[in-house]
Structures are given as structure tokens and as C-alpha cells.
Amino acid sequence: MSELIETIARAIQDKKAKNIVSLDLSVFDGAVCPAFVICNADSTTQVEAIARGVEEQVLEKLGEKVWRVEGLNNGVWVVMDYGNVLVHIFQTELRDFYKLDELWADAPATHYASEE
């Protein structure tokens, strides 16, 4: 799973996303999955590009296909399901509104460098 998370994070970095973080939810009973990777972008075009970049790199490097993708039609919040990892790609305003990071504030977090 760590290789999947690292591949996702690198793909997100390649598309210049902001505030990239992975959350380890495996410590919580009843969590929807063991890990989240969350980031944001300033436009719907960039949100969509990040999602496509993640899908391409994970398939190319690990041979894993995304199970399901939701939100590509509007590009404000895309969720990608890789089974053990959910990728959340927000438009900045929506990330600030939903505060998903704060909902899981007790989860161990890994922050990744991003260009600001």
C-alpha cells in the first residue's frame, strides 16, 4: 500500500497540486478505507488533469486500475477508489469548505512538497 500512496503522491506533484497529504486511517475502527490522499487545485481543469495523471501513472508503474472515479464531470471534487486508498482531489474552495483533513485530524499524516 505504501508504494501505491507514494506513486499517487508523485503523480499529484507532477501536476502541481497543492497541500498534498496522506492520512493513515488504519488506526480507526470503521474507517471507510486504510488511507486517504488529499490535495487541491485552483481550477476544474487542473483537478481533472491531476485525476488523469494519477490514473495513468498508477496503471503504468504498478499495473493497478482505479476501481471507480466520481466527480470528473464537474471537476470540483474528484474521488478515486483504489480499494485500500481513496484519492480526494478538491478545487481549493471546496477543500476549505469540507475540511476533510480536520475531520480526520487524529490520523497520522504525511505531507508532501508542493509548489505554491
C-alpha atoms as a PDB file:
ATOM      1  CA  MET A   1       0.000   0.000   0.000  1.00  0.00           C
ATOM      2  CA  SER A   2       2.866   2.425   0.712  1.00  0.00           C
ATOM      3  CA  GLU A   3       4.106   2.039  -2.877  1.00  0.00           C
ATOM      4  CA  LEU A   4       0.626   2.923  -4.142  1.00  0.00           C
ATOM      5  CA  ILE A   5       0.449   6.001  -1.906  1.00  0.00           C
ATOM      6  CA  GLU A   6       3.923   7.167  -2.990  1.00  0.00           C
ATOM      7  CA  THR A   7       3.059   6.681  -6.675  1.00  0.00           C
ATOM      8  CA  ILE A   8      -0.180   8.633  -6.240  1.00  0.00           C
ATOM      9  CA  ALA A   9       1.636  11.439  -4.398  1.00  0.00           C
ATOM     10  CA  ARG A  10       4.292  11.695  -7.135  1.00  0.00           C
ATOM     11  CA  ALA A  11       1.613  11.817  -9.839  1.00  0.00           C
ATOM     12  CA  ILE A  12      -0.162  14.581  -7.935  1.00  0.00           C
ATOM     13  CA  GLN A  13       3.093  16.521  -7.523  1.00  0.00           C
ATOM     14  CA  ASP A  14       3.749  16.208 -11.279  1.00  0.00           C
ATOM     15  CA  LYS A  15       0.501  18.100 -11.947  1.00  0.00           C
ATOM     16  CA  LYS A  16       1.405  20.908  -9.497  1.00  0.00           C
ATOM     17  CA  ALA A  17      -1.325  20.221  -6.932  1.00  0.00           C
ATOM     18  CA  LYS A  18      -1.241  21.995  -3.578  1.00  0.00           C
ATOM     19  CA  ASN A  19      -1.372  20.859   0.060  1.00  0.00           C
ATOM     20  CA  ILE A  20      -0.733  17.177  -0.649  1.00  0.00           C
ATOM     21  CA  VAL A  21      -1.232  14.925   2.372  1.00  0.00           C
ATOM     22  CA  SER A  22      -1.789  11.240   3.005  1.00  0.00           C
ATOM     23  CA  LEU A  23      -3.727  10.155   6.086  1.00  0.00           C
ATOM     24  CA  ASP A  24      -3.302   6.748   7.717  1.00  0.00           C
ATOM     25  CA  LEU A  25      -6.821   5.745   8.718  1.00  0.00           C
ATOM     26  CA  SER A  26      -5.921   2.159   9.568  1.00  0.00           C
ATOM     27  CA  VAL A  27      -5.763   3.136  13.248  1.00  0.00           C
ATOM     28  CA  PHE A  28      -9.513   3.866  13.303  1.00  0.00           C
ATOM     29  CA  ASP A  29     -12.186   1.191  13.631  1.00  0.00           C
ATOM     30  CA  GLY A  30     -14.858   1.647  10.997  1.00  0.00           C
ATOM     31  CA  ALA A  31     -12.851   3.880   8.656  1.00  0.00           C
ATOM     32  CA  VAL A  32     -14.038   3.571   5.073  1.00  0.00           C
ATOM     33  CA  CYS A  33     -10.527   2.532   3.943  1.00  0.00           C
ATOM     34  CA  PRO A  34      -6.993   2.384   5.371  1.00  0.00           C
ATOM     35  CA  ALA A  35      -5.708   5.579   3.710  1.00  0.00           C
ATOM     36  CA  PHE A  36      -6.681   8.862   2.072  1.00  0.00           C
ATOM     37  CA  VAL A  37      -4.542  11.002  -0.193  1.00  0.00           C
ATOM     38  CA  ILE A  38      -5.860  14.560  -0.376  1.00  0.00           C
ATOM     39  CA  CYS A  39      -4.841  17.568  -2.461  1.00  0.00           C
ATOM     40  CA  ASN A  40      -6.316  20.651  -4.040  1.00  0.00           C
ATOM     41  CA  ALA A  41      -6.023  22.728  -7.201  1.00  0.00           C
ATOM     42  CA  ASP A  42      -7.271  26.130  -8.269  1.00  0.00           C
ATOM     43  CA  SER A  43      -9.259  25.161 -11.382  1.00  0.00           C
ATOM     44  CA  THR A  44     -11.542  22.416 -12.615  1.00  0.00           C
ATOM     45  CA  THR A  45      -9.130  21.814 -15.495  1.00  0.00           C
ATOM     46  CA  GLN A  46      -6.277  21.165 -13.071  1.00  0.00           C
ATOM     47  CA  VAL A  47      -8.446  18.914 -10.865  1.00  0.00           C
ATOM     48  CA  GLU A  48      -9.267  16.786 -13.914  1.00  0.00           C
ATOM     49  CA  ALA A  49      -5.632  16.761 -15.074  1.00  0.00           C
ATOM     50  CA  ILE A  50      -4.476  15.564 -11.645  1.00  0.00           C
ATOM     51  CA  ALA A  51      -7.032  12.735 -11.665  1.00  0.00           C
ATOM     52  CA  ARG A  52      -5.988  11.616 -15.140  1.00  0.00           C
ATOM     53  CA  GLY A  53      -2.320  11.835 -14.191  1.00  0.00           C
ATOM     54  CA  VAL A  54      -2.863   9.664 -11.106  1.00  0.00           C
ATOM     55  CA  GLU A  55      -4.786   7.089 -13.116  1.00  0.00           C
ATOM     56  CA  GLU A  56      -2.100   6.956 -15.846  1.00  0.00           C
ATOM     57  CA  GLN A  57       0.904   6.738 -13.514  1.00  0.00           C
ATOM     58  CA  VAL A  58      -0.582   4.131 -11.181  1.00  0.00           C
ATOM     59  CA  LEU A  59      -1.518   1.959 -14.164  1.00  0.00           C
ATOM     60  CA  GLU A  60       1.864   2.447 -15.827  1.00  0.00           C
ATOM     61  CA  LYS A  61       4.060   1.941 -12.746  1.00  0.00           C
ATOM     62  CA  LEU A  62       2.040  -0.541 -10.677  1.00  0.00           C
ATOM     63  CA  GLY A  63      -0.358  -2.084 -13.188  1.00  0.00           C
ATOM     64  CA  GLU A  64      -3.324  -1.175 -10.968  1.00  0.00           C
ATOM     65  CA  LYS A  65      -6.545   0.165 -12.397  1.00  0.00           C
ATOM     66  CA  VAL A  66      -8.711   2.573 -10.466  1.00  0.00           C
ATOM     67  CA  TRP A  67     -11.857   0.790  -9.242  1.00  0.00           C
ATOM     68  CA  ARG A  68     -14.129   3.806  -9.553  1.00  0.00           C
ATOM     69  CA  VAL A  69     -13.878   7.534 -10.225  1.00  0.00           C
ATOM     70  CA  GLU A  70     -16.546  10.059  -9.251  1.00  0.00           C
ATOM     71  CA  GLY A  71     -16.698  13.783  -9.947  1.00  0.00           C
ATOM     72  CA  LEU A  72     -14.834  14.083 -13.246  1.00  0.00           C
ATOM     73  CA  ASN A  73     -17.940  15.511 -14.890  1.00  0.00           C
ATOM     74  CA  ASN A  74     -17.813  18.680 -12.759  1.00  0.00           C
ATOM     75  CA  GLY A  75     -14.143  18.803 -11.709  1.00  0.00           C
ATOM     76  CA  VAL A  76     -14.663  20.385  -8.304  1.00  0.00           C
ATOM     77  CA  TRP A  77     -14.157  17.245  -6.174  1.00  0.00           C
ATOM     78  CA  VAL A  78     -12.900  14.036  -7.721  1.00  0.00           C
ATOM     79  CA  VAL A  79     -12.737  10.848  -5.675  1.00  0.00           C
ATOM     80  CA  MET A  80     -10.702   7.907  -6.946  1.00  0.00           C
ATOM     81  CA  ASP A  81     -11.097   4.488  -5.330  1.00  0.00           C
ATOM     82  CA  TYR A  82      -8.078   2.197  -5.311  1.00  0.00           C
ATOM     83  CA  GLY A  83      -9.570  -0.184  -2.745  1.00  0.00           C
ATOM     84  CA  ASN A  84      -7.221   0.485   0.166  1.00  0.00           C
ATOM     85  CA  VAL A  85      -6.635   4.114  -0.807  1.00  0.00           C
ATOM     86  CA  LEU A  86      -9.140   6.860  -1.635  1.00  0.00           C
ATOM     87  CA  VAL A  87      -7.754   9.865  -3.506  1.00  0.00           C
ATOM     88  CA  HIS A  88      -9.591  13.164  -2.959  1.00  0.00           C
ATOM     89  CA  ILE A  89      -8.781  15.945  -5.426  1.00  0.00           C
ATOM     90  CA  PHE A  90     -10.561  19.156  -4.498  1.00  0.00           C
ATOM     91  CA  GLN A  91     -10.909  22.543  -6.028  1.00  0.00           C
ATOM     92  CA  THR A  92      -9.415  24.798  -3.332  1.00  0.00           C
ATOM     93  CA  GLU A  93     -12.678  26.416  -2.192  1.00  0.00           C
ATOM     94  CA  LEU A  94     -14.356  23.038  -1.684  1.00  0.00           C
ATOM     95  CA  ARG A  95     -11.448  21.644   0.308  1.00  0.00           C
ATOM     96  CA  ASP A  96     -11.612  24.684   2.560  1.00  0.00           C
ATOM     97  CA  PHE A  97     -15.367  24.186   2.962  1.00  0.00           C
ATOM     98  CA  TYR A  98     -15.426  20.431   3.704  1.00  0.00           C
ATOM     99  CA  LYS A  99     -12.238  20.364   5.801  1.00  0.00           C
ATOM    100  CA  LEU A 100     -11.729  16.637   5.290  1.00  0.00           C
ATOM    101  CA  ASP A 101      -8.275  16.935   6.862  1.00  0.00           C
ATOM    102  CA  GLU A 102      -9.828  18.266  10.072  1.00  0.00           C
ATOM    103  CA  LEU A 103     -12.426  15.501  10.168  1.00  0.00           C
ATOM    104  CA  TRP A 104      -9.561  13.009  10.411  1.00  0.00           C
ATOM    105  CA  ALA A 105      -7.227  15.316  12.382  1.00  0.00           C
ATOM    106  CA  ASP A 106      -6.142  12.498  14.732  1.00  0.00           C
ATOM    107  CA  ALA A 107      -4.882  10.369  11.835  1.00  0.00           C
ATOM    108  CA  PRO A 108      -1.132  10.110  11.292  1.00  0.00           C
ATOM    109  CA  ALA A 109      -0.379  12.388   8.334  1.00  0.00           C
ATOM    110  CA  THR A 110       2.403  12.572   5.773  1.00  0.00           C
ATOM    111  CA  HIS A 111       2.793  15.897   3.960  1.00  0.00           C
ATOM    112  CA  TYR A 112       4.349  16.070   0.506  1.00  0.00           C
ATOM    113  CA  ALA A 113       6.141  19.019  -1.032  1.00  0.00           C
ATOM    114  CA  SER A 114       4.120  21.037  -3.496  1.00  0.00           C
ATOM    115  CA  GLU A 115       4.839  24.160  -5.492  1.00  0.00           C
ATOM    116  CA  GLU A 116       2.967  27.137  -4.094  1.00  0.00           C
END
